[in-house]
Amino acid sequence: GDVITPGDYDGDGTSDIAVFRPADGDWYVLKSSDTTITGVNWGLA
C-alpha cells in the first residue's frame, strides 16, 4: 500500500529510497548519505 517516492531528501545529490504511506500520511526515507531511516508524519490519511 505504500507509494514509492524517491528523491534527494538529504541534499547529497543522490536519490534516496522513500515511501509515502497514504493510510496514515507518513513518509519514510532511507538516506543514501548515511543509511539512516527517517519517518515523518506529513499529510492526512
All heavy atoms as atom14 arrays in JSON, in Angstrom:
{
  "sequence": "GDVITPGDYDGDGTSDIAVFRPADGDWYVLKSSDTTITGVNWGLA",
  "atom14_mask": [
    [1, 1, 1, 1, 0, 0, 0, 0, 0, 0, 0, 0, 0, 0],
    [1, 1, 1, 1, 1, 1, 1, 1, 0, 0, 0, 0, 0, 0],
    [1, 1, 1, 1, 1, 1, 1, 0, 0, 0, 0, 0, 0, 0],
    [1, 1, 1, 1, 1, 1, 1, 1, 0, 0, 0, 0, 0, 0],
    [1, 1, 1, 1, 1, 1, 1, 0, 0, 0, 0, 0, 0, 0],
    [1, 1, 1, 1, 1, 1, 1, 0, 0, 0, 0, 0, 0, 0],
    [1, 1, 1, 1, 0, 0, 0, 0, 0, 0, 0, 0, 0, 0],
    [1, 1, 1, 1, 1, 1, 1, 1, 0, 0, 0, 0, 0, 0],
    [1, 1, 1, 1, 1, 1, 1, 1, 1, 1, 1, 1, 0, 0],
    [1, 1, 1, 1, 1, 1, 1, 1, 0, 0, 0, 0, 0, 0],
    [1, 1, 1, 1, 0, 0, 0, 0, 0, 0, 0, 0, 0, 0],
    [1, 1, 1, 1, 1, 1, 1, 1, 0, 0, 0, 0, 0, 0],
    [1, 1, 1, 1, 0, 0, 0, 0, 0, 0, 0, 0, 0, 0],
    [1, 1, 1, 1, 1, 1, 1, 0, 0, 0, 0, 0, 0, 0],
    [1, 1, 1, 1, 1, 1, 0, 0, 0, 0, 0, 0, 0, 0],
    [1, 1, 1, 1, 1, 1, 1, 1, 0, 0, 0, 0, 0, 0],
    [1, 1, 1, 1, 1, 1, 1, 1, 0, 0, 0, 0, 0, 0],
    [1, 1, 1, 1, 1, 0, 0, 0, 0, 0, 0, 0, 0, 0],
    [1, 1, 1, 1, 1, 1, 1, 0, 0, 0, 0, 0, 0, 0],
    [1, 1, 1, 1, 1, 1, 1, 1, 1, 1, 1, 0, 0, 0],
    [1, 1, 1, 1, 1, 1, 1, 1, 1, 1, 1, 0, 0, 0],
    [1, 1, 1, 1, 1, 1, 1, 0, 0, 0, 0, 0, 0, 0],
    [1, 1, 1, 1, 1, 0, 0, 0, 0, 0, 0, 0, 0, 0],
    [1, 1, 1, 1, 1, 1, 1, 1, 0, 0, 0, 0, 0, 0],
    [1, 1, 1, 1, 0, 0, 0, 0, 0, 0, 0, 0, 0, 0],
    [1, 1, 1, 1, 1, 1, 1, 1, 0, 0, 0, 0, 0, 0],
    [1, 1, 1, 1, 1, 1, 1, 1, 1, 1, 1, 1, 1, 1],
    [1, 1, 1, 1, 1, 1, 1, 1, 1, 1, 1, 1, 0, 0],
    [1, 1, 1, 1, 1, 1, 1, 0, 0, 0, 0, 0, 0, 0],
    [1, 1, 1, 1, 1, 1, 1, 1, 0, 0, 0, 0, 0, 0],
    [1, 1, 1, 1, 1, 1, 1, 1, 1, 0, 0, 0, 0, 0],
    [1, 1, 1, 1, 1, 1, 0, 0, 0, 0, 0, 0, 0, 0],
    [1, 1, 1, 1, 1, 1, 0, 0, 0, 0, 0, 0, 0, 0],
    [1, 1, 1, 1, 1, 1, 1, 1, 0, 0, 0, 0, 0, 0],
    [1, 1, 1, 1, 1, 1, 1, 0, 0, 0, 0, 0, 0, 0],
    [1, 1, 1, 1, 1, 1, 1, 0, 0, 0, 0, 0, 0, 0],
    [1, 1, 1, 1, 1, 1, 1, 1, 0, 0, 0, 0, 0, 0],
    [1, 1, 1, 1, 1, 1, 1, 0, 0, 0, 0, 0, 0, 0],
    [1, 1, 1, 1, 0, 0, 0, 0, 0, 0, 0, 0, 0, 0],
    [1, 1, 1, 1, 1, 1, 1, 0, 0, 0, 0, 0, 0, 0],
    [1, 1, 1, 1, 1, 1, 1, 1, 0, 0, 0, 0, 0, 0],
    [1, 1, 1, 1, 1, 1, 1, 1, 1, 1, 1, 1, 1, 1],
    [1, 1, 1, 1, 0, 0, 0, 0, 0, 0, 0, 0, 0, 0],
    [1, 1, 1, 1, 1, 1, 1, 1, 0, 0, 0, 0, 0, 0],
    [1, 1, 1, 1, 1, 0, 0, 0, 0, 0, 0, 0, 0, 0]
  ],
  "atom14_positions": [
    [[0.79, -1.22, 0.0], [0.0, 0.0, 0.0], [0.82, 1.27, 0.0], [0.3, 2.36, -0.25], [0.0, 0.0, 0.0], [0.0, 0.0, 0.0], [0.0, 0.0, 0.0], [0.0, 0.0, 0.0], [0.0, 0.0, 0.0], [0.0, 0.0, 0.0], [0.0, 0.0, 0.0], [0.0, 0.0, 0.0], [0.0, 0.0, 0.0], [0.0, 0.0, 0.0]],
    [[2.13, 1.18, 0.3], [3.0, 2.36, 0.27], [3.21, 2.81, -1.18], [3.18, 2.02, -2.1], [4.36, 2.05, 0.88], [4.32, 1.93, 2.39], [3.26, 2.21, 3.0], [5.35, 1.55, 2.98], [0.0, 0.0, 0.0], [0.0, 0.0, 0.0], [0.0, 0.0, 0.0], [0.0, 0.0, 0.0], [0.0, 0.0, 0.0], [0.0, 0.0, 0.0]],
    [[3.43, 4.12, -1.34], [3.71, 4.7, -2.65], [5.2, 5.04, -2.71], [5.72, 5.73, -1.84], [2.88, 5.99, -2.87], [3.2, 6.61, -4.22], [1.39, 5.69, -2.74], [0.0, 0.0, 0.0], [0.0, 0.0, 0.0], [0.0, 0.0, 0.0], [0.0, 0.0, 0.0], [0.0, 0.0, 0.0], [0.0, 0.0, 0.0], [0.0, 0.0, 0.0]],
    [[5.89, 4.53, -3.72], [7.32, 4.77, -3.88], [7.52, 6.24, -4.24], [6.92, 6.76, -5.18], [7.91, 3.86, -4.96], [7.71, 2.4, -4.55], [9.38, 4.16, -5.18], [8.0, 1.41, -5.66], [0.0, 0.0, 0.0], [0.0, 0.0, 0.0], [0.0, 0.0, 0.0], [0.0, 0.0, 0.0], [0.0, 0.0, 0.0], [0.0, 0.0, 0.0]],
    [[8.38, 6.94, -3.48], [8.6, 8.38, -3.67], [10.08, 8.73, -3.58], [10.5, 9.47, -2.69], [7.81, 9.18, -2.62], [8.2, 8.72, -1.32], [6.32, 9.04, -2.78], [0.0, 0.0, 0.0], [0.0, 0.0, 0.0], [0.0, 0.0, 0.0], [0.0, 0.0, 0.0], [0.0, 0.0, 0.0], [0.0, 0.0, 0.0], [0.0, 0.0, 0.0]],
    [[10.92, 8.2, -4.49], [12.35, 8.51, -4.41], [12.62, 9.99, -4.64], [11.85, 10.67, -5.32], [12.96, 7.66, -5.52], [11.85, 7.48, -6.51], [10.59, 7.44, -5.68], [0.0, 0.0, 0.0], [0.0, 0.0, 0.0], [0.0, 0.0, 0.0], [0.0, 0.0, 0.0], [0.0, 0.0, 0.0], [0.0, 0.0, 0.0], [0.0, 0.0, 0.0]],
    [[13.69, 10.47, -4.06], [14.09, 11.87, -4.23], [15.33, 12.14, -3.41], [15.72, 11.32, -2.58], [0.0, 0.0, 0.0], [0.0, 0.0, 0.0], [0.0, 0.0, 0.0], [0.0, 0.0, 0.0], [0.0, 0.0, 0.0], [0.0, 0.0, 0.0], [0.0, 0.0, 0.0], [0.0, 0.0, 0.0], [0.0, 0.0, 0.0], [0.0, 0.0, 0.0]],
    [[15.92, 13.27, -3.63], [17.13, 13.64, -2.88], [16.72, 14.37, -1.6], [16.77, 15.58, -1.51], [18.05, 14.51, -3.74], [19.36, 14.84, -3.05], [19.67, 14.22, -2.01], [20.07, 15.72, -3.55], [0.0, 0.0, 0.0], [0.0, 0.0, 0.0], [0.0, 0.0, 0.0], [0.0, 0.0, 0.0], [0.0, 0.0, 0.0], [0.0, 0.0, 0.0]],
    [[16.31, 13.62, -0.6], [15.8, 14.2, 0.64], [16.91, 14.71, 1.57], [16.65, 15.53, 2.43], [14.94, 13.18, 1.4], [13.66, 12.83, 0.68], [13.6, 11.77, -0.21], [12.52, 13.58, 0.89], [12.42, 11.45, -0.87], [11.33, 13.28, 0.23], [11.29, 12.21, -0.65], [10.13, 11.91, -1.3], [0.0, 0.0, 0.0], [0.0, 0.0, 0.0]],
    [[18.13, 14.2, 1.42], [19.21, 14.64, 2.32], [20.18, 15.62, 1.65], [21.17, 16.03, 2.26], [19.97, 13.45, 2.91], [20.57, 12.54, 1.86], [20.54, 12.88, 0.66], [21.08, 11.47, 2.24], [0.0, 0.0, 0.0], [0.0, 0.0, 0.0], [0.0, 0.0, 0.0], [0.0, 0.0, 0.0], [0.0, 0.0, 0.0], [0.0, 0.0, 0.0]],
    [[19.9, 16.0, 0.41], [20.69, 17.04, -0.25], [22.09, 16.66, -0.68], [22.93, 17.53, -0.9], [0.0, 0.0, 0.0], [0.0, 0.0, 0.0], [0.0, 0.0, 0.0], [0.0, 0.0, 0.0], [0.0, 0.0, 0.0], [0.0, 0.0, 0.0], [0.0, 0.0, 0.0], [0.0, 0.0, 0.0], [0.0, 0.0, 0.0], [0.0, 0.0, 0.0]],
    [[22.36, 15.35, -0.85], [23.71, 14.93, -1.23], [23.87, 14.69, -2.73], [24.91, 14.25, -3.19], [24.13, 13.67, -0.46], [23.31, 12.45, -0.82], [22.33, 12.56, -1.59], [23.64, 11.35, -0.33], [0.0, 0.0, 0.0], [0.0, 0.0, 0.0], [0.0, 0.0, 0.0], [0.0, 0.0, 0.0], [0.0, 0.0, 0.0], [0.0, 0.0, 0.0]],
    [[22.82, 14.98, -3.52], [22.9, 14.81, -4.97], [22.55, 13.42, -5.46], [22.61, 13.16, -6.65], [0.0, 0.0, 0.0], [0.0, 0.0, 0.0], [0.0, 0.0, 0.0], [0.0, 0.0, 0.0], [0.0, 0.0, 0.0], [0.0, 0.0, 0.0], [0.0, 0.0, 0.0], [0.0, 0.0, 0.0], [0.0, 0.0, 0.0], [0.0, 0.0, 0.0]],
    [[22.16, 12.52, -4.57], [21.79, 11.15, -4.93], [20.38, 10.87, -4.43], [20.02, 11.27, -3.32], [22.76, 10.14, -4.27], [24.08, 10.4, -4.74], [22.41, 8.71, -4.62], [0.0, 0.0, 0.0], [0.0, 0.0, 0.0], [0.0, 0.0, 0.0], [0.0, 0.0, 0.0], [0.0, 0.0, 0.0], [0.0, 0.0, 0.0], [0.0, 0.0, 0.0]],
    [[19.57, 10.2, -5.25], [18.21, 9.87, -4.84], [18.22, 8.95, -3.63], [19.02, 8.02, -3.55], [17.44, 9.22, -5.97], [17.1, 10.17, -6.95], [0.0, 0.0, 0.0], [0.0, 0.0, 0.0], [0.0, 0.0, 0.0], [0.0, 0.0, 0.0], [0.0, 0.0, 0.0], [0.0, 0.0, 0.0], [0.0, 0.0, 0.0], [0.0, 0.0, 0.0]],
    [[17.31, 9.23, -2.71], [17.14, 8.38, -1.53], [15.93, 7.48, -1.75], [15.0, 7.81, -2.47], [16.89, 9.26, -0.3], [18.02, 10.24, -0.07], [19.17, 9.8, -0.04], [17.73, 11.44, 0.07], [0.0, 0.0, 0.0], [0.0, 0.0, 0.0], [0.0, 0.0, 0.0], [0.0, 0.0, 0.0], [0.0, 0.0, 0.0], [0.0, 0.0, 0.0]],
    [[15.94, 6.32, -1.09], [14.82, 5.41, -1.13], [13.77, 5.95, -0.18], [14.07, 6.25, 0.97], [15.27, 4.0, -0.71], [16.32, 3.47, -1.69], [14.08, 3.05, -0.6], [17.05, 2.24, -1.2], [0.0, 0.0, 0.0], [0.0, 0.0, 0.0], [0.0, 0.0, 0.0], [0.0, 0.0, 0.0], [0.0, 0.0, 0.0], [0.0, 0.0, 0.0]],
    [[12.54, 6.11, -0.66], [11.5, 6.67, 0.18], [10.12, 6.14, -0.22], [9.91, 5.77, -1.37], [11.51, 8.2, 0.08], [0.0, 0.0, 0.0], [0.0, 0.0, 0.0], [0.0, 0.0, 0.0], [0.0, 0.0, 0.0], [0.0, 0.0, 0.0], [0.0, 0.0, 0.0], [0.0, 0.0, 0.0], [0.0, 0.0, 0.0], [0.0, 0.0, 0.0]],
    [[9.23, 6.12, 0.76], [7.84, 5.73, 0.51], [6.92, 6.68, 1.28], [7.28, 7.24, 2.3], [7.54, 4.27, 0.93], [8.33, 3.29, 0.08], [7.79, 4.04, 2.41], [0.0, 0.0, 0.0], [0.0, 0.0, 0.0], [0.0, 0.0, 0.0], [0.0, 0.0, 0.0], [0.0, 0.0, 0.0], [0.0, 0.0, 0.0], [0.0, 0.0, 0.0]],
    [[5.72, 6.84, 0.74], [4.64, 7.56, 1.42], [3.58, 6.54, 1.75], [3.21, 5.72, 0.91], [4.07, 8.65, 0.51], [2.87, 9.34, 1.1], [3.01, 10.18, 2.19], [1.61, 9.14, 0.57], [1.91, 10.82, 2.74], [0.5, 9.78, 1.11], [0.66, 10.62, 2.2], [0.0, 0.0, 0.0], [0.0, 0.0, 0.0], [0.0, 0.0, 0.0]],
    [[3.08, 6.56, 2.98], [2.06, 5.62, 3.43], [0.73, 6.37, 3.49], [0.42, 7.07, 4.45], [2.45, 5.07, 4.8], [1.59, 3.93, 5.24], [2.28, 3.11, 6.33], [3.45, 2.46, 5.75], [4.51, 2.1, 6.46], [4.54, 2.3, 7.75], [5.55, 1.52, 5.87], [0.0, 0.0, 0.0], [0.0, 0.0, 0.0], [0.0, 0.0, 0.0]],
    [[-0.11, 6.25, 2.42], [-1.35, 7.0, 2.36], [-2.35, 6.66, 3.46], [-3.22, 7.46, 3.78], [-1.93, 6.68, 0.99], [-1.06, 5.69, 0.36], [0.12, 5.45, 1.23], [0.0, 0.0, 0.0], [0.0, 0.0, 0.0], [0.0, 0.0, 0.0], [0.0, 0.0, 0.0], [0.0, 0.0, 0.0], [0.0, 0.0, 0.0], [0.0, 0.0, 0.0]],
    [[-2.24, 5.5, 4.06], [-3.18, 5.11, 5.1], [-3.11, 6.02, 6.32], [-4.1, 6.22, 7.02], [-2.92, 3.66, 5.52], [0.0, 0.0, 0.0], [0.0, 0.0, 0.0], [0.0, 0.0, 0.0], [0.0, 0.0, 0.0], [0.0, 0.0, 0.0], [0.0, 0.0, 0.0], [0.0, 0.0, 0.0], [0.0, 0.0, 0.0], [0.0, 0.0, 0.0]],
    [[-1.91, 6.6, 6.58], [-1.78, 7.45, 7.77], [-0.99, 8.74, 7.53], [-0.74, 9.5, 8.46], [-1.14, 6.68, 8.92], [0.17, 6.02, 8.56], [0.79, 6.41, 7.55], [0.59, 5.11, 9.29], [0.0, 0.0, 0.0], [0.0, 0.0, 0.0], [0.0, 0.0, 0.0], [0.0, 0.0, 0.0], [0.0, 0.0, 0.0], [0.0, 0.0, 0.0]],
    [[-0.59, 9.02, 6.29], [0.1, 10.27, 5.97], [1.55, 10.31, 6.4], [2.11, 11.38, 6.58], [0.0, 0.0, 0.0], [0.0, 0.0, 0.0], [0.0, 0.0, 0.0], [0.0, 0.0, 0.0], [0.0, 0.0, 0.0], [0.0, 0.0, 0.0], [0.0, 0.0, 0.0], [0.0, 0.0, 0.0], [0.0, 0.0, 0.0], [0.0, 0.0, 0.0]],
    [[2.18, 9.15, 6.56], [3.58, 9.09, 6.98], [4.51, 8.91, 5.79], [4.19, 8.24, 4.82], [3.82, 7.93, 7.95], [3.19, 8.17, 9.31], [2.89, 9.32, 9.64], [3.0, 7.18, 10.04], [0.0, 0.0, 0.0], [0.0, 0.0, 0.0], [0.0, 0.0, 0.0], [0.0, 0.0, 0.0], [0.0, 0.0, 0.0], [0.0, 0.0, 0.0]],
    [[5.7, 9.53, 5.9], [6.79, 9.4, 4.93], [7.93, 8.66, 5.6], [8.25, 8.93, 6.75], [7.31, 10.77, 4.49], [6.31, 11.6, 3.76], [5.31, 12.35, 4.31], [6.22, 11.78, 2.35], [4.61, 12.99, 3.33], [5.14, 12.65, 2.12], [6.95, 11.29, 1.28], [4.77, 13.05, 0.84], [6.57, 11.69, 0.01], [5.5, 12.55, -0.21]],
    [[8.58, 7.74, 4.87], [9.75, 7.03, 5.38], [10.86, 7.15, 4.34], [10.65, 6.84, 3.18], [9.42, 5.57, 5.66], [8.37, 5.42, 6.74], [7.03, 5.29, 6.41], [8.72, 5.46, 8.08], [6.06, 5.19, 7.39], [7.76, 5.35, 9.08], [6.43, 5.22, 8.72], [5.48, 5.13, 9.7], [0.0, 0.0, 0.0], [0.0, 0.0, 0.0]],
    [[12.02, 7.63, 4.79], [13.14, 7.88, 3.89], [14.37, 7.14, 4.4], [14.73, 7.26, 5.57], [13.47, 9.39, 3.8], [14.67, 9.63, 2.9], [12.26, 10.18, 3.33], [0.0, 0.0, 0.0], [0.0, 0.0, 0.0], [0.0, 0.0, 0.0], [0.0, 0.0, 0.0], [0.0, 0.0, 0.0], [0.0, 0.0, 0.0], [0.0, 0.0, 0.0]],
    [[15.01, 6.37, 3.51], [16.29, 5.74, 3.8], [17.35, 6.59, 3.11], [17.46, 6.59, 1.89], [16.33, 4.31, 3.28], [17.65, 3.57, 3.45], [18.02, 3.42, 4.92], [17.58, 2.21, 2.78], [0.0, 0.0, 0.0], [0.0, 0.0, 0.0], [0.0, 0.0, 0.0], [0.0, 0.0, 0.0], [0.0, 0.0, 0.0], [0.0, 0.0, 0.0]],
    [[18.08, 7.38, 3.9], [19.05, 8.33, 3.34], [20.24, 7.6, 2.7], [20.79, 6.68, 3.27], [19.56, 9.26, 4.43], [18.49, 10.13, 5.04], [19.07, 10.96, 6.15], [18.02, 11.77, 6.86], [18.61, 12.52, 7.97], [0.0, 0.0, 0.0], [0.0, 0.0, 0.0], [0.0, 0.0, 0.0], [0.0, 0.0, 0.0], [0.0, 0.0, 0.0]],
    [[20.63, 8.07, 1.51], [21.78, 7.47, 0.82], [23.1, 7.88, 1.45], [24.1, 7.2, 1.32], [21.78, 7.87, -0.66], [21.86, 9.27, -0.79], [0.0, 0.0, 0.0], [0.0, 0.0, 0.0], [0.0, 0.0, 0.0], [0.0, 0.0, 0.0], [0.0, 0.0, 0.0], [0.0, 0.0, 0.0], [0.0, 0.0, 0.0], [0.0, 0.0, 0.0]],
    [[23.11, 9.01, 2.16], [24.36, 9.52, 2.72], [24.83, 8.73, 3.94], [26.03, 8.57, 4.15], [24.22, 10.99, 3.08], [23.16, 11.18, 4.01], [0.0, 0.0, 0.0], [0.0, 0.0, 0.0], [0.0, 0.0, 0.0], [0.0, 0.0, 0.0], [0.0, 0.0, 0.0], [0.0, 0.0, 0.0], [0.0, 0.0, 0.0], [0.0, 0.0, 0.0]],
    [[23.9, 8.25, 4.76], [24.33, 7.54, 5.97], [23.45, 6.33, 6.33], [23.6, 5.75, 7.39], [24.42, 8.49, 7.17], [23.08, 9.13, 7.51], [22.04, 8.7, 6.98], [23.09, 10.07, 8.31], [0.0, 0.0, 0.0], [0.0, 0.0, 0.0], [0.0, 0.0, 0.0], [0.0, 0.0, 0.0], [0.0, 0.0, 0.0], [0.0, 0.0, 0.0]],
    [[22.54, 5.98, 5.45], [21.63, 4.82, 5.58], [20.79, 4.85, 6.86], [20.4, 3.81, 7.35], [22.37, 3.47, 5.44], [23.28, 3.3, 6.52], [23.06, 3.35, 4.12], [0.0, 0.0, 0.0], [0.0, 0.0, 0.0], [0.0, 0.0, 0.0], [0.0, 0.0, 0.0], [0.0, 0.0, 0.0], [0.0, 0.0, 0.0], [0.0, 0.0, 0.0]],
    [[20.48, 6.04, 7.39], [19.53, 6.11, 8.49], [18.13, 6.22, 7.92], [17.93, 6.72, 6.81], [19.8, 7.32, 9.41], [19.71, 8.52, 8.64], [21.16, 7.24, 10.07], [0.0, 0.0, 0.0], [0.0, 0.0, 0.0], [0.0, 0.0, 0.0], [0.0, 0.0, 0.0], [0.0, 0.0, 0.0], [0.0, 0.0, 0.0], [0.0, 0.0, 0.0]],
    [[17.16, 5.75, 8.68], [15.77, 5.82, 8.28], [15.1, 6.95, 9.06], [15.21, 7.03, 10.28], [15.03, 4.5, 8.54], [15.64, 3.39, 7.69], [13.54, 4.66, 8.23], [15.07, 2.02, 7.97], [0.0, 0.0, 0.0], [0.0, 0.0, 0.0], [0.0, 0.0, 0.0], [0.0, 0.0, 0.0], [0.0, 0.0, 0.0], [0.0, 0.0, 0.0]],
    [[14.42, 7.82, 8.33], [13.69, 8.92, 8.94], [12.21, 8.73, 8.65], [11.83, 8.44, 7.51], [14.15, 10.27, 8.34], [15.55, 10.41, 8.57], [13.41, 11.42, 8.96], [0.0, 0.0, 0.0], [0.0, 0.0, 0.0], [0.0, 0.0, 0.0], [0.0, 0.0, 0.0], [0.0, 0.0, 0.0], [0.0, 0.0, 0.0], [0.0, 0.0, 0.0]],
    [[11.39, 8.88, 9.66], [9.94, 8.82, 9.49], [9.33, 10.14, 9.91], [9.68, 10.69, 10.95], [0.0, 0.0, 0.0], [0.0, 0.0, 0.0], [0.0, 0.0, 0.0], [0.0, 0.0, 0.0], [0.0, 0.0, 0.0], [0.0, 0.0, 0.0], [0.0, 0.0, 0.0], [0.0, 0.0, 0.0], [0.0, 0.0, 0.0], [0.0, 0.0, 0.0]],
    [[8.42, 10.66, 9.07], [7.79, 11.94, 9.36], [6.32, 11.85, 9.02], [5.95, 11.35, 7.96], [8.43, 13.08, 8.51], [7.71, 14.39, 8.73], [9.91, 13.21, 8.79], [0.0, 0.0, 0.0], [0.0, 0.0, 0.0], [0.0, 0.0, 0.0], [0.0, 0.0, 0.0], [0.0, 0.0, 0.0], [0.0, 0.0, 0.0], [0.0, 0.0, 0.0]],
    [[5.47, 12.34, 9.91], [4.05, 12.43, 9.6], [3.81, 13.78, 8.95], [3.99, 14.83, 9.57], [3.21, 12.3, 10.87], [1.73, 12.35, 10.52], [1.12, 13.39, 10.56], [1.18, 11.22, 10.17], [0.0, 0.0, 0.0], [0.0, 0.0, 0.0], [0.0, 0.0, 0.0], [0.0, 0.0, 0.0], [0.0, 0.0, 0.0], [0.0, 0.0, 0.0]],
    [[3.49, 13.75, 7.67], [3.27, 14.98, 6.92], [2.17, 14.72, 5.92], [2.4, 14.32, 4.78], [4.56, 15.4, 6.21], [4.45, 16.71, 5.49], [4.23, 16.9, 4.15], [4.54, 18.01, 6.06], [4.19, 18.23, 3.86], [4.38, 18.95, 5.02], [4.73, 18.48, 7.35], [4.41, 20.31, 5.23], [4.77, 19.85, 7.54], [4.61, 20.74, 6.49]],
    [[0.95, 14.87, 6.35], [-0.18, 14.61, 5.49], [-1.32, 13.97, 6.26], [-1.22, 13.73, 7.46], [0.0, 0.0, 0.0], [0.0, 0.0, 0.0], [0.0, 0.0, 0.0], [0.0, 0.0, 0.0], [0.0, 0.0, 0.0], [0.0, 0.0, 0.0], [0.0, 0.0, 0.0], [0.0, 0.0, 0.0], [0.0, 0.0, 0.0], [0.0, 0.0, 0.0]],
    [[-2.39, 13.7, 5.55], [-3.57, 13.09, 6.13], [-3.86, 11.77, 5.44], [-3.43, 11.55, 4.3], [-4.77, 14.03, 5.97], [-4.63, 15.42, 6.58], [-5.81, 16.29, 6.15], [-4.51, 15.34, 8.08], [0.0, 0.0, 0.0], [0.0, 0.0, 0.0], [0.0, 0.0, 0.0], [0.0, 0.0, 0.0], [0.0, 0.0, 0.0], [0.0, 0.0, 0.0]],
    [[-4.58, 10.91, 6.11], [-4.97, 9.64, 5.51], [-5.66, 9.91, 4.17], [-6.52, 10.77, 4.07], [-5.91, 8.88, 6.44], [0.0, 0.0, 0.0], [0.0, 0.0, 0.0], [0.0, 0.0, 0.0], [0.0, 0.0, 0.0], [0.0, 0.0, 0.0], [0.0, 0.0, 0.0], [0.0, 0.0, 0.0], [0.0, 0.0, 0.0], [0.0, 0.0, 0.0]]
  ]
}
